[in-house]
Amino acid sequence: MKAVFARFVVFALVALFLIGPLVVVVGVSVNEKQTLAFPPEGLSLAWYGQIFMDAGWRSSLFASLFLATFSAALAVAIAFPLSWFLWRRVAPWAQIFRLLGVAPFILPPVITALGLLTFWATIGAYGQPWTAVLSHAIFFVTLPLVTISLGFSSIDRSLVEAASTMGANDRIVLRTVIMPLILPYLISGFAFAFVLSLNEYIVAYMTVGFTMETLPIKIFNALRYGYTPTMAAVSVFFVAVAVLVFSLIARFGDLPRLLGAEARGADS
């Protein structure tokens, strides 16, 4: 009984340690006056309205959504054929492509950002919005690569063999058998890449920091002119978007399946 109580206390302390900063940020974001005081001095949601009403913040919001949406979609488009190739070609040399896929995410972000900055500047494309999309897609391709690979590993190959013996070619097998089975993994891979791209600062700043101001870049640029509760409101907005996206995945998808429960059960 004492051991259970001790574990409960430890987990409660860890939870408080993790939630504490968020509570402070939420409190700061509802200050009535333009101050970062905590506890808040009065209550107001006007700073959340600034995200949508102020032209500068609204432009940064649209830029962040544009970058996150298209880079996540491109990351999935890159990861899907690569995962399919690795699933069909079970060979040691094929794992080289998996290593290339996860390499950008393994390296320190500043190293990847500097490499991308040098590349885009060398070919004369620095500052173009599409370079940020490509850079984020390369940087976050690891996430859909992992989730989609997990989806392929959970497929019973006998289903593919049965479809092939009945006359289905590779295209029909892909459309009627494989796609329905891995669709949850495609969606989760897109969601992971979308949320992280929405919050990413270093790579975006290194590639288009002076021509396309995303919300994270906007926050850091605004720090030069002083602190405002709008920055805290944006931070809370980021957290809310992440919670919403992953809650929808948990609600409408099979979360244990996305975490590989079926694959482990099949192996055992």
C-alpha atoms as a PDB file:
ATOM      1  CA  MET A   1       0.000   0.000   0.000  1.00  0.00           C
ATOM      2  CA  LYS A   2       2.836   2.354   0.860  1.00  0.00           C
ATOM      3  CA  ALA A   3       4.568   1.549  -2.430  1.00  0.00           C
ATOM      4  CA  VAL A   4       1.402   2.414  -4.394  1.00  0.00           C
ATOM      5  CA  PHE A   5       1.032   5.675  -2.482  1.00  0.00           C
ATOM      6  CA  ALA A   6       4.686   6.537  -3.088  1.00  0.00           C
ATOM      7  CA  ARG A   7       4.297   5.966  -6.840  1.00  0.00           C
ATOM      8  CA  PHE A   8       1.173   8.118  -6.846  1.00  0.00           C
ATOM      9  CA  VAL A   9       3.045  10.949  -5.116  1.00  0.00           C
ATOM     10  CA  VAL A  10       5.956  10.684  -7.556  1.00  0.00           C
ATOM     11  CA  PHE A  11       3.679  10.761 -10.609  1.00  0.00           C
ATOM     12  CA  ALA A  12       1.699  13.661  -9.128  1.00  0.00           C
ATOM     13  CA  LEU A  13       4.891  15.659  -8.590  1.00  0.00           C
ATOM     14  CA  VAL A  14       6.074  14.931 -12.128  1.00  0.00           C
ATOM     15  CA  ALA A  15       2.678  16.004 -13.491  1.00  0.00           C
ATOM     16  CA  LEU A  16       2.802  19.246 -11.510  1.00  0.00           C
ATOM     17  CA  PHE A  17       6.332  19.895 -12.736  1.00  0.00           C
ATOM     18  CA  LEU A  18       5.225  19.440 -16.360  1.00  0.00           C
ATOM     19  CA  ILE A  19       1.928  21.305 -16.081  1.00  0.00           C
ATOM     20  CA  GLY A  20       3.261  24.155 -13.923  1.00  0.00           C
ATOM     21  CA  PRO A  21       4.808  26.197 -16.785  1.00  0.00           C
ATOM     22  CA  LEU A  22       1.653  25.814 -18.854  1.00  0.00           C
ATOM     23  CA  VAL A  23      -0.477  27.069 -15.967  1.00  0.00           C
ATOM     24  CA  VAL A  24       1.745  30.155 -15.687  1.00  0.00           C
ATOM     25  CA  VAL A  25       1.557  30.812 -19.432  1.00  0.00           C
ATOM     26  CA  VAL A  26      -2.232  30.457 -19.418  1.00  0.00           C
ATOM     27  CA  GLY A  27      -2.439  32.856 -16.486  1.00  0.00           C
ATOM     28  CA  VAL A  28      -0.236  35.403 -18.225  1.00  0.00           C
ATOM     29  CA  SER A  29      -2.299  35.147 -21.423  1.00  0.00           C
ATOM     30  CA  VAL A  30      -5.485  36.326 -19.683  1.00  0.00           C
ATOM     31  CA  ASN A  31      -4.015  39.406 -18.004  1.00  0.00           C
ATOM     32  CA  GLU A  32      -6.269  42.401 -18.387  1.00  0.00           C
ATOM     33  CA  LYS A  33      -3.308  44.757 -18.711  1.00  0.00           C
ATOM     34  CA  GLN A  34      -0.263  44.478 -20.950  1.00  0.00           C
ATOM     35  CA  THR A  35       1.890  42.737 -18.387  1.00  0.00           C
ATOM     36  CA  LEU A  36       3.380  39.309 -17.840  1.00  0.00           C
ATOM     37  CA  ALA A  37       2.396  39.277 -14.183  1.00  0.00           C
ATOM     38  CA  PHE A  38       1.309  36.026 -12.564  1.00  0.00           C
ATOM     39  CA  PRO A  39      -1.173  35.578 -10.992  1.00  0.00           C
ATOM     40  CA  PRO A  40      -3.032  37.618 -13.639  1.00  0.00           C
ATOM     41  CA  GLU A  41      -4.097  41.146 -12.812  1.00  0.00           C
ATOM     42  CA  GLY A  42      -7.694  41.000 -13.969  1.00  0.00           C
ATOM     43  CA  LEU A  43      -9.071  38.661 -16.623  1.00  0.00           C
ATOM     44  CA  SER A  44      -9.362  39.329 -20.339  1.00  0.00           C
ATOM     45  CA  LEU A  45      -9.353  37.265 -23.537  1.00  0.00           C
ATOM     46  CA  ALA A  46      -8.464  40.266 -25.682  1.00  0.00           C
ATOM     47  CA  TRP A  47      -4.928  38.975 -26.251  1.00  0.00           C
ATOM     48  CA  TYR A  48      -6.316  35.857 -27.938  1.00  0.00           C
ATOM     49  CA  GLY A  49      -8.327  38.139 -30.194  1.00  0.00           C
ATOM     50  CA  GLN A  50      -5.100  39.867 -31.184  1.00  0.00           C
ATOM     51  CA  ILE A  51      -3.954  36.671 -32.892  1.00  0.00           C
ATOM     52  CA  PHE A  52      -6.817  36.995 -35.383  1.00  0.00           C
ATOM     53  CA  MET A  53      -7.554  40.741 -35.365  1.00  0.00           C
ATOM     54  CA  ASP A  54      -4.067  42.221 -35.547  1.00  0.00           C
ATOM     55  CA  ALA A  55      -2.776  42.188 -39.125  1.00  0.00           C
ATOM     56  CA  GLY A  56       0.765  41.188 -38.138  1.00  0.00           C
ATOM     57  CA  TRP A  57      -0.220  38.259 -35.930  1.00  0.00           C
ATOM     58  CA  ARG A  58      -2.923  37.119 -38.376  1.00  0.00           C
ATOM     59  CA  SER A  59      -0.451  37.103 -41.245  1.00  0.00           C
ATOM     60  CA  SER A  60       1.985  35.052 -39.176  1.00  0.00           C
ATOM     61  CA  LEU A  61      -0.799  32.618 -38.275  1.00  0.00           C
ATOM     62  CA  PHE A  62      -1.671  32.058 -41.932  1.00  0.00           C
ATOM     63  CA  ALA A  63       2.019  31.655 -42.781  1.00  0.00           C
ATOM     64  CA  SER A  64       2.424  29.018 -40.059  1.00  0.00           C
ATOM     65  CA  LEU A  65      -0.671  27.116 -41.184  1.00  0.00           C
ATOM     66  CA  PHE A  66       0.488  27.263 -44.807  1.00  0.00           C
ATOM     67  CA  LEU A  67       3.942  25.992 -43.922  1.00  0.00           C
ATOM     68  CA  ALA A  68       2.711  23.243 -41.581  1.00  0.00           C
ATOM     69  CA  THR A  69       0.016  21.964 -43.956  1.00  0.00           C
ATOM     70  CA  PHE A  70       2.080  21.738 -47.105  1.00  0.00           C
ATOM     71  CA  SER A  71       5.286  20.534 -45.451  1.00  0.00           C
ATOM     72  CA  ALA A  72       3.394  17.786 -43.587  1.00  0.00           C
ATOM     73  CA  ALA A  73       1.654  16.716 -46.790  1.00  0.00           C
ATOM     74  CA  LEU A  74       4.980  16.639 -48.649  1.00  0.00           C
ATOM     75  CA  ALA A  75       6.630  14.689 -45.815  1.00  0.00           C
ATOM     76  CA  VAL A  76       3.895  12.054 -46.059  1.00  0.00           C
ATOM     77  CA  ALA A  77       4.255  11.995 -49.858  1.00  0.00           C
ATOM     78  CA  ILE A  78       7.980  11.274 -49.443  1.00  0.00           C
ATOM     79  CA  ALA A  79       7.592   8.778 -46.602  1.00  0.00           C
ATOM     80  CA  PHE A  80       4.843   6.674 -48.186  1.00  0.00           C
ATOM     81  CA  PRO A  81       6.706   5.340 -51.264  1.00  0.00           C
ATOM     82  CA  LEU A  82       9.869   4.940 -49.196  1.00  0.00           C
ATOM     83  CA  SER A  83       8.009   2.884 -46.574  1.00  0.00           C
ATOM     84  CA  TRP A  84       6.326   0.827 -49.279  1.00  0.00           C
ATOM     85  CA  PHE A  85       9.696   0.133 -50.909  1.00  0.00           C
ATOM     86  CA  LEU A  86      11.235  -0.923 -47.588  1.00  0.00           C
ATOM     87  CA  TRP A  87       8.256  -3.180 -46.895  1.00  0.00           C
ATOM     88  CA  ARG A  88       8.432  -4.897 -50.296  1.00  0.00           C
ATOM     89  CA  ARG A  89      12.221  -5.152 -50.443  1.00  0.00           C
ATOM     90  CA  VAL A  90      13.259  -6.999 -47.308  1.00  0.00           C
ATOM     91  CA  ALA A  91      17.028  -6.700 -47.695  1.00  0.00           C
ATOM     92  CA  PRO A  92      19.853  -5.323 -45.521  1.00  0.00           C
ATOM     93  CA  TRP A  93      20.916  -2.802 -48.169  1.00  0.00           C
ATOM     94  CA  ALA A  94      17.403  -1.355 -48.282  1.00  0.00           C
ATOM     95  CA  GLN A  95      17.800  -0.081 -44.710  1.00  0.00           C
ATOM     96  CA  ILE A  96      20.196   2.528 -46.065  1.00  0.00           C
ATOM     97  CA  PHE A  97      17.154   4.419 -47.347  1.00  0.00           C
ATOM     98  CA  ARG A  98      15.552   4.268 -43.900  1.00  0.00           C
ATOM     99  CA  LEU A  99      18.740   5.723 -42.399  1.00  0.00           C
ATOM    100  CA  LEU A 100      18.672   8.552 -44.947  1.00  0.00           C
ATOM    101  CA  GLY A 101      15.067   9.217 -43.993  1.00  0.00           C
ATOM    102  CA  VAL A 102      15.717   9.563 -40.263  1.00  0.00           C
ATOM    103  CA  ALA A 103      19.074  11.348 -40.566  1.00  0.00           C
ATOM    104  CA  PRO A 104      17.699  14.939 -40.706  1.00  0.00           C
ATOM    105  CA  PHE A 105      15.743  14.413 -37.492  1.00  0.00           C
ATOM    106  CA  ILE A 106      18.647  12.750 -35.671  1.00  0.00           C
ATOM    107  CA  LEU A 107      21.062  15.604 -36.341  1.00  0.00           C
ATOM    108  CA  PRO A 108      20.885  18.704 -34.119  1.00  0.00           C
ATOM    109  CA  PRO A 109      18.320  21.116 -35.600  1.00  0.00           C
ATOM    110  CA  VAL A 110      20.865  23.926 -35.914  1.00  0.00           C
ATOM    111  CA  ILE A 111      23.138  21.690 -38.018  1.00  0.00           C
ATOM    112  CA  THR A 112      20.279  20.749 -40.332  1.00  0.00           C
ATOM    113  CA  ALA A 113      19.179  24.397 -40.508  1.00  0.00           C
ATOM    114  CA  LEU A 114      22.663  25.622 -41.391  1.00  0.00           C
ATOM    115  CA  GLY A 115      23.000  22.943 -44.061  1.00  0.00           C
ATOM    116  CA  LEU A 116      19.680  23.920 -45.615  1.00  0.00           C
ATOM    117  CA  LEU A 117      20.570  27.620 -45.407  1.00  0.00           C
ATOM    118  CA  THR A 118      23.845  27.003 -47.220  1.00  0.00           C
ATOM    119  CA  PHE A 119      22.159  24.886 -49.884  1.00  0.00           C
ATOM    120  CA  TRP A 120      19.347  27.348 -50.664  1.00  0.00           C
ATOM    121  CA  ALA A 121      21.731  30.309 -50.635  1.00  0.00           C
ATOM    122  CA  THR A 122      24.114  28.508 -52.995  1.00  0.00           C
ATOM    123  CA  ILE A 123      21.451  27.820 -55.611  1.00  0.00           C
ATOM    124  CA  GLY A 124      19.969  31.305 -55.217  1.00  0.00           C
ATOM    125  CA  ALA A 125      16.610  30.255 -53.761  1.00  0.00           C
ATOM    126  CA  TYR A 126      17.060  31.570 -50.225  1.00  0.00           C
ATOM    127  CA  GLY A 127      13.994  33.323 -48.845  1.00  0.00           C
ATOM    128  CA  GLN A 128      11.405  31.664 -51.088  1.00  0.00           C
ATOM    129  CA  PRO A 129       8.405  30.234 -49.175  1.00  0.00           C
ATOM    130  CA  TRP A 130       8.618  26.934 -51.028  1.00  0.00           C
ATOM    131  CA  THR A 131      12.122  26.405 -49.678  1.00  0.00           C
ATOM    132  CA  ALA A 132      10.697  26.438 -46.140  1.00  0.00           C
ATOM    133  CA  VAL A 133       8.098  23.854 -47.181  1.00  0.00           C
ATOM    134  CA  LEU A 134      10.782  21.588 -48.622  1.00  0.00           C
ATOM    135  CA  SER A 135      13.069  22.144 -45.631  1.00  0.00           C
ATOM    136  CA  HIS A 136      10.377  21.254 -43.102  1.00  0.00           C
ATOM    137  CA  ALA A 137       9.304  18.251 -45.165  1.00  0.00           C
ATOM    138  CA  ILE A 138      12.888  16.959 -45.175  1.00  0.00           C
ATOM    139  CA  PHE A 139      13.355  17.758 -41.500  1.00  0.00           C
ATOM    140  CA  PHE A 140      10.138  16.060 -40.341  1.00  0.00           C
ATOM    141  CA  VAL A 141       9.920  13.190 -42.856  1.00  0.00           C
ATOM    142  CA  THR A 142      11.133  10.873 -40.091  1.00  0.00           C
ATOM    143  CA  LEU A 143       7.792  11.079 -38.269  1.00  0.00           C
ATOM    144  CA  PRO A 144       5.511   9.849 -41.082  1.00  0.00           C
ATOM    145  CA  LEU A 145       8.251   7.430 -42.117  1.00  0.00           C
ATOM    146  CA  VAL A 146       8.080   5.766 -38.702  1.00  0.00           C
ATOM    147  CA  THR A 147       4.278   5.710 -38.469  1.00  0.00           C
ATOM    148  CA  ILE A 148       3.730   4.521 -42.053  1.00  0.00           C
ATOM    149  CA  SER A 149       6.418   1.859 -41.679  1.00  0.00           C
ATOM    150  CA  LEU A 150       4.614   0.715 -38.563  1.00  0.00           C
ATOM    151  CA  GLY A 151       1.430   0.499 -40.605  1.00  0.00           C
ATOM    152  CA  PHE A 152       3.059  -1.597 -43.299  1.00  0.00           C
ATOM    153  CA  SER A 153       4.573  -3.942 -40.701  1.00  0.00           C
ATOM    154  CA  SER A 154       1.086  -4.606 -39.311  1.00  0.00           C
ATOM    155  CA  ILE A 155      -0.267  -5.783 -42.696  1.00  0.00           C
ATOM    156  CA  ASP A 156      -0.823  -9.509 -43.063  1.00  0.00           C
ATOM    157  CA  ARG A 157       1.081 -10.383 -46.228  1.00  0.00           C
ATOM    158  CA  SER A 158      -1.308 -13.256 -46.909  1.00  0.00           C
ATOM    159  CA  LEU A 159      -3.966 -10.660 -47.776  1.00  0.00           C
ATOM    160  CA  VAL A 160      -1.722  -9.240 -50.492  1.00  0.00           C
ATOM    161  CA  GLU A 161      -0.903 -12.716 -51.775  1.00  0.00           C
ATOM    162  CA  ALA A 162      -4.594 -13.622 -51.885  1.00  0.00           C
ATOM    163  CA  ALA A 163      -5.421 -10.492 -53.869  1.00  0.00           C
ATOM    164  CA  SER A 164      -2.570 -11.209 -56.286  1.00  0.00           C
ATOM    165  CA  THR A 165      -3.653 -14.802 -56.870  1.00  0.00           C
ATOM    166  CA  MET A 166      -7.128 -13.506 -57.756  1.00  0.00           C
ATOM    167  CA  GLY A 167      -5.659 -11.407 -60.555  1.00  0.00           C
ATOM    168  CA  ALA A 168      -5.143  -8.031 -58.876  1.00  0.00           C
ATOM    169  CA  ASN A 169      -2.084  -6.121 -60.060  1.00  0.00           C
ATOM    170  CA  ASP A 170       0.112  -3.982 -57.824  1.00  0.00           C
ATOM    171  CA  ARG A 171      -1.993  -0.868 -58.400  1.00  0.00           C
ATOM    172  CA  ILE A 172      -5.244  -2.589 -57.450  1.00  0.00           C
ATOM    173  CA  VAL A 173      -3.654  -4.225 -54.414  1.00  0.00           C
ATOM    174  CA  LEU A 174      -2.348  -0.856 -53.288  1.00  0.00           C
ATOM    175  CA  ARG A 175      -5.735   0.828 -53.697  1.00  0.00           C
ATOM    176  CA  THR A 176      -8.031  -1.862 -52.321  1.00  0.00           C
ATOM    177  CA  VAL A 177      -5.920  -3.675 -49.736  1.00  0.00           C
ATOM    178  CA  ILE A 178      -2.964  -1.635 -48.569  1.00  0.00           C
ATOM    179  CA  MET A 179      -4.361   1.921 -48.495  1.00  0.00           C
ATOM    180  CA  PRO A 180      -7.387   1.139 -46.259  1.00  0.00           C
ATOM    181  CA  LEU A 181      -5.110  -0.651 -43.786  1.00  0.00           C
ATOM    182  CA  ILE A 182      -2.471   2.053 -43.486  1.00  0.00           C
ATOM    183  CA  LEU A 183      -4.763   5.098 -43.724  1.00  0.00           C
ATOM    184  CA  PRO A 184      -4.725   5.668 -39.920  1.00  0.00           C
ATOM    185  CA  TYR A 185      -0.933   5.640 -40.010  1.00  0.00           C
ATOM    186  CA  LEU A 186      -0.870   8.132 -42.884  1.00  0.00           C
ATOM    187  CA  ILE A 187      -3.146  10.469 -40.940  1.00  0.00           C
ATOM    188  CA  SER A 188      -1.130  10.155 -37.736  1.00  0.00           C
ATOM    189  CA  GLY A 189       2.123  10.775 -39.618  1.00  0.00           C
ATOM    190  CA  PHE A 190       0.639  13.910 -41.162  1.00  0.00           C
ATOM    191  CA  ALA A 191      -0.600  15.064 -37.733  1.00  0.00           C
ATOM    192  CA  PHE A 192       2.795  14.623 -36.079  1.00  0.00           C
ATOM    193  CA  ALA A 193       4.576  16.503 -38.867  1.00  0.00           C
ATOM    194  CA  PHE A 194       1.906  19.234 -38.916  1.00  0.00           C
ATOM    195  CA  VAL A 195       2.063  19.959 -35.175  1.00  0.00           C
ATOM    196  CA  LEU A 196       5.857  20.014 -35.019  1.00  0.00           C
ATOM    197  CA  SER A 197       6.131  22.146 -38.162  1.00  0.00           C
ATOM    198  CA  LEU A 198       3.651  24.599 -36.671  1.00  0.00           C
ATOM    199  CA  ASN A 199       5.925  25.067 -33.640  1.00  0.00           C
ATOM    200  CA  GLU A 200       9.328  24.878 -35.353  1.00  0.00           C
ATOM    201  CA  TYR A 201      11.546  27.960 -35.322  1.00  0.00           C
ATOM    202  CA  ILE A 202      15.190  27.273 -36.218  1.00  0.00           C
ATOM    203  CA  VAL A 203      14.811  25.715 -39.679  1.00  0.00           C
ATOM    204  CA  ALA A 204      12.090  28.185 -40.689  1.00  0.00           C
ATOM    205  CA  TYR A 205      14.142  31.157 -39.504  1.00  0.00           C
ATOM    206  CA  MET A 206      17.260  29.943 -41.306  1.00  0.00           C
ATOM    207  CA  THR A 207      15.432  29.472 -44.601  1.00  0.00           C
ATOM    208  CA  VAL A 208      12.800  32.248 -44.810  1.00  0.00           C
ATOM    209  CA  GLY A 209      13.183  34.207 -41.580  1.00  0.00           C
ATOM    210  CA  PHE A 210      13.274  37.580 -43.313  1.00  0.00           C
ATOM    211  CA  THR A 211      10.618  36.993 -45.975  1.00  0.00           C
ATOM    212  CA  MET A 212       7.929  34.806 -44.354  1.00  0.00           C
ATOM    213  CA  GLU A 213       7.256  35.419 -40.666  1.00  0.00           C
ATOM    214  CA  THR A 214       5.667  32.387 -39.014  1.00  0.00           C
ATOM    215  CA  LEU A 215       4.211  32.585 -35.504  1.00  0.00           C
ATOM    216  CA  PRO A 216       7.358  31.288 -33.753  1.00  0.00           C
ATOM    217  CA  ILE A 217       9.477  33.767 -35.725  1.00  0.00           C
ATOM    218  CA  LYS A 218       6.970  36.517 -34.957  1.00  0.00           C
ATOM    219  CA  ILE A 219       7.281  35.821 -31.232  1.00  0.00           C
ATOM    220  CA  PHE A 220      11.064  36.032 -31.270  1.00  0.00           C
ATOM    221  CA  ASN A 221      11.029  39.167 -33.418  1.00  0.00           C
ATOM    222  CA  ALA A 222       8.456  40.796 -31.139  1.00  0.00           C
ATOM    223  CA  LEU A 223      10.677  40.180 -28.103  1.00  0.00           C
ATOM    224  CA  ARG A 224      12.896  43.024 -29.300  1.00  0.00           C
ATOM    225  CA  TYR A 225      10.086  45.471 -28.574  1.00  0.00           C
ATOM    226  CA  GLY A 226       9.014  44.097 -25.202  1.00  0.00           C
ATOM    227  CA  TYR A 227       6.795  41.387 -23.782  1.00  0.00           C
ATOM    228  CA  THR A 228       3.053  41.226 -24.369  1.00  0.00           C
ATOM    229  CA  PRO A 229       0.462  38.671 -23.235  1.00  0.00           C
ATOM    230  CA  THR A 230      -0.213  37.983 -26.928  1.00  0.00           C
ATOM    231  CA  MET A 231       2.963  35.886 -26.967  1.00  0.00           C
ATOM    232  CA  ALA A 232       1.581  33.763 -24.142  1.00  0.00           C
ATOM    233  CA  ALA A 233      -1.761  33.528 -25.967  1.00  0.00           C
ATOM    234  CA  VAL A 234       0.030  32.195 -29.058  1.00  0.00           C
ATOM    235  CA  SER A 235       1.818  29.608 -26.919  1.00  0.00           C
ATOM    236  CA  VAL A 236      -1.503  28.457 -25.485  1.00  0.00           C
ATOM    237  CA  PHE A 237      -2.886  28.366 -29.022  1.00  0.00           C
ATOM    238  CA  PHE A 238      -0.057  26.018 -30.054  1.00  0.00           C
ATOM    239  CA  VAL A 239      -0.814  23.701 -27.146  1.00  0.00           C
ATOM    240  CA  ALA A 240      -4.545  23.772 -27.904  1.00  0.00           C
ATOM    241  CA  VAL A 241      -3.967  22.860 -31.562  1.00  0.00           C
ATOM    242  CA  ALA A 242      -1.698  19.957 -30.574  1.00  0.00           C
ATOM    243  CA  VAL A 243      -4.228  18.674 -28.014  1.00  0.00           C
ATOM    244  CA  LEU A 244      -7.059  18.969 -30.550  1.00  0.00           C
ATOM    245  CA  VAL A 245      -5.185  17.163 -33.332  1.00  0.00           C
ATOM    246  CA  PHE A 246      -4.048  14.259 -31.185  1.00  0.00           C
ATOM    247  CA  SER A 247      -7.418  14.026 -29.429  1.00  0.00           C
ATOM    248  CA  LEU A 248      -9.103  13.615 -32.801  1.00  0.00           C
ATOM    249  CA  ILE A 249      -6.629  10.879 -33.704  1.00  0.00           C
ATOM    250  CA  ALA A 250      -7.317   9.116 -30.406  1.00  0.00           C
ATOM    251  CA  ARG A 251     -11.086   9.564 -30.811  1.00  0.00           C
ATOM    252  CA  PHE A 252     -11.588   8.518 -34.419  1.00  0.00           C
ATOM    253  CA  GLY A 253      -8.566   6.265 -34.861  1.00  0.00           C
ATOM    254  CA  ASP A 254      -7.459   3.079 -33.158  1.00  0.00           C
ATOM    255  CA  LEU A 255      -4.785   4.473 -30.862  1.00  0.00           C
ATOM    256  CA  PRO A 256      -3.396   1.075 -29.688  1.00  0.00           C
ATOM    257  CA  ARG A 257      -3.115   0.076 -33.346  1.00  0.00           C
ATOM    258  CA  LEU A 258      -1.270   3.287 -34.173  1.00  0.00           C
ATOM    259  CA  LEU A 259       1.149   2.486 -31.360  1.00  0.00           C
ATOM    260  CA  GLY A 260       1.815  -0.956 -32.821  1.00  0.00           C
ATOM    261  CA  ALA A 261      -0.292  -3.132 -30.495  1.00  0.00           C
ATOM    262  CA  GLU A 262      -1.428  -5.432 -33.299  1.00  0.00           C
ATOM    263  CA  ALA A 263       2.098  -5.842 -34.633  1.00  0.00           C
ATOM    264  CA  ARG A 264       3.366  -6.928 -31.243  1.00  0.00           C
ATOM    265  CA  GLY A 265       0.463  -9.279 -30.774  1.00  0.00           C
ATOM    266  CA  ALA A 266       1.129 -10.862 -34.159  1.00  0.00           C
ATOM    267  CA  ASP A 267       4.805 -11.375 -33.362  1.00  0.00           C
ATOM    268  CA  SER A 268       4.038 -13.049 -30.074  1.00  0.00           C
END
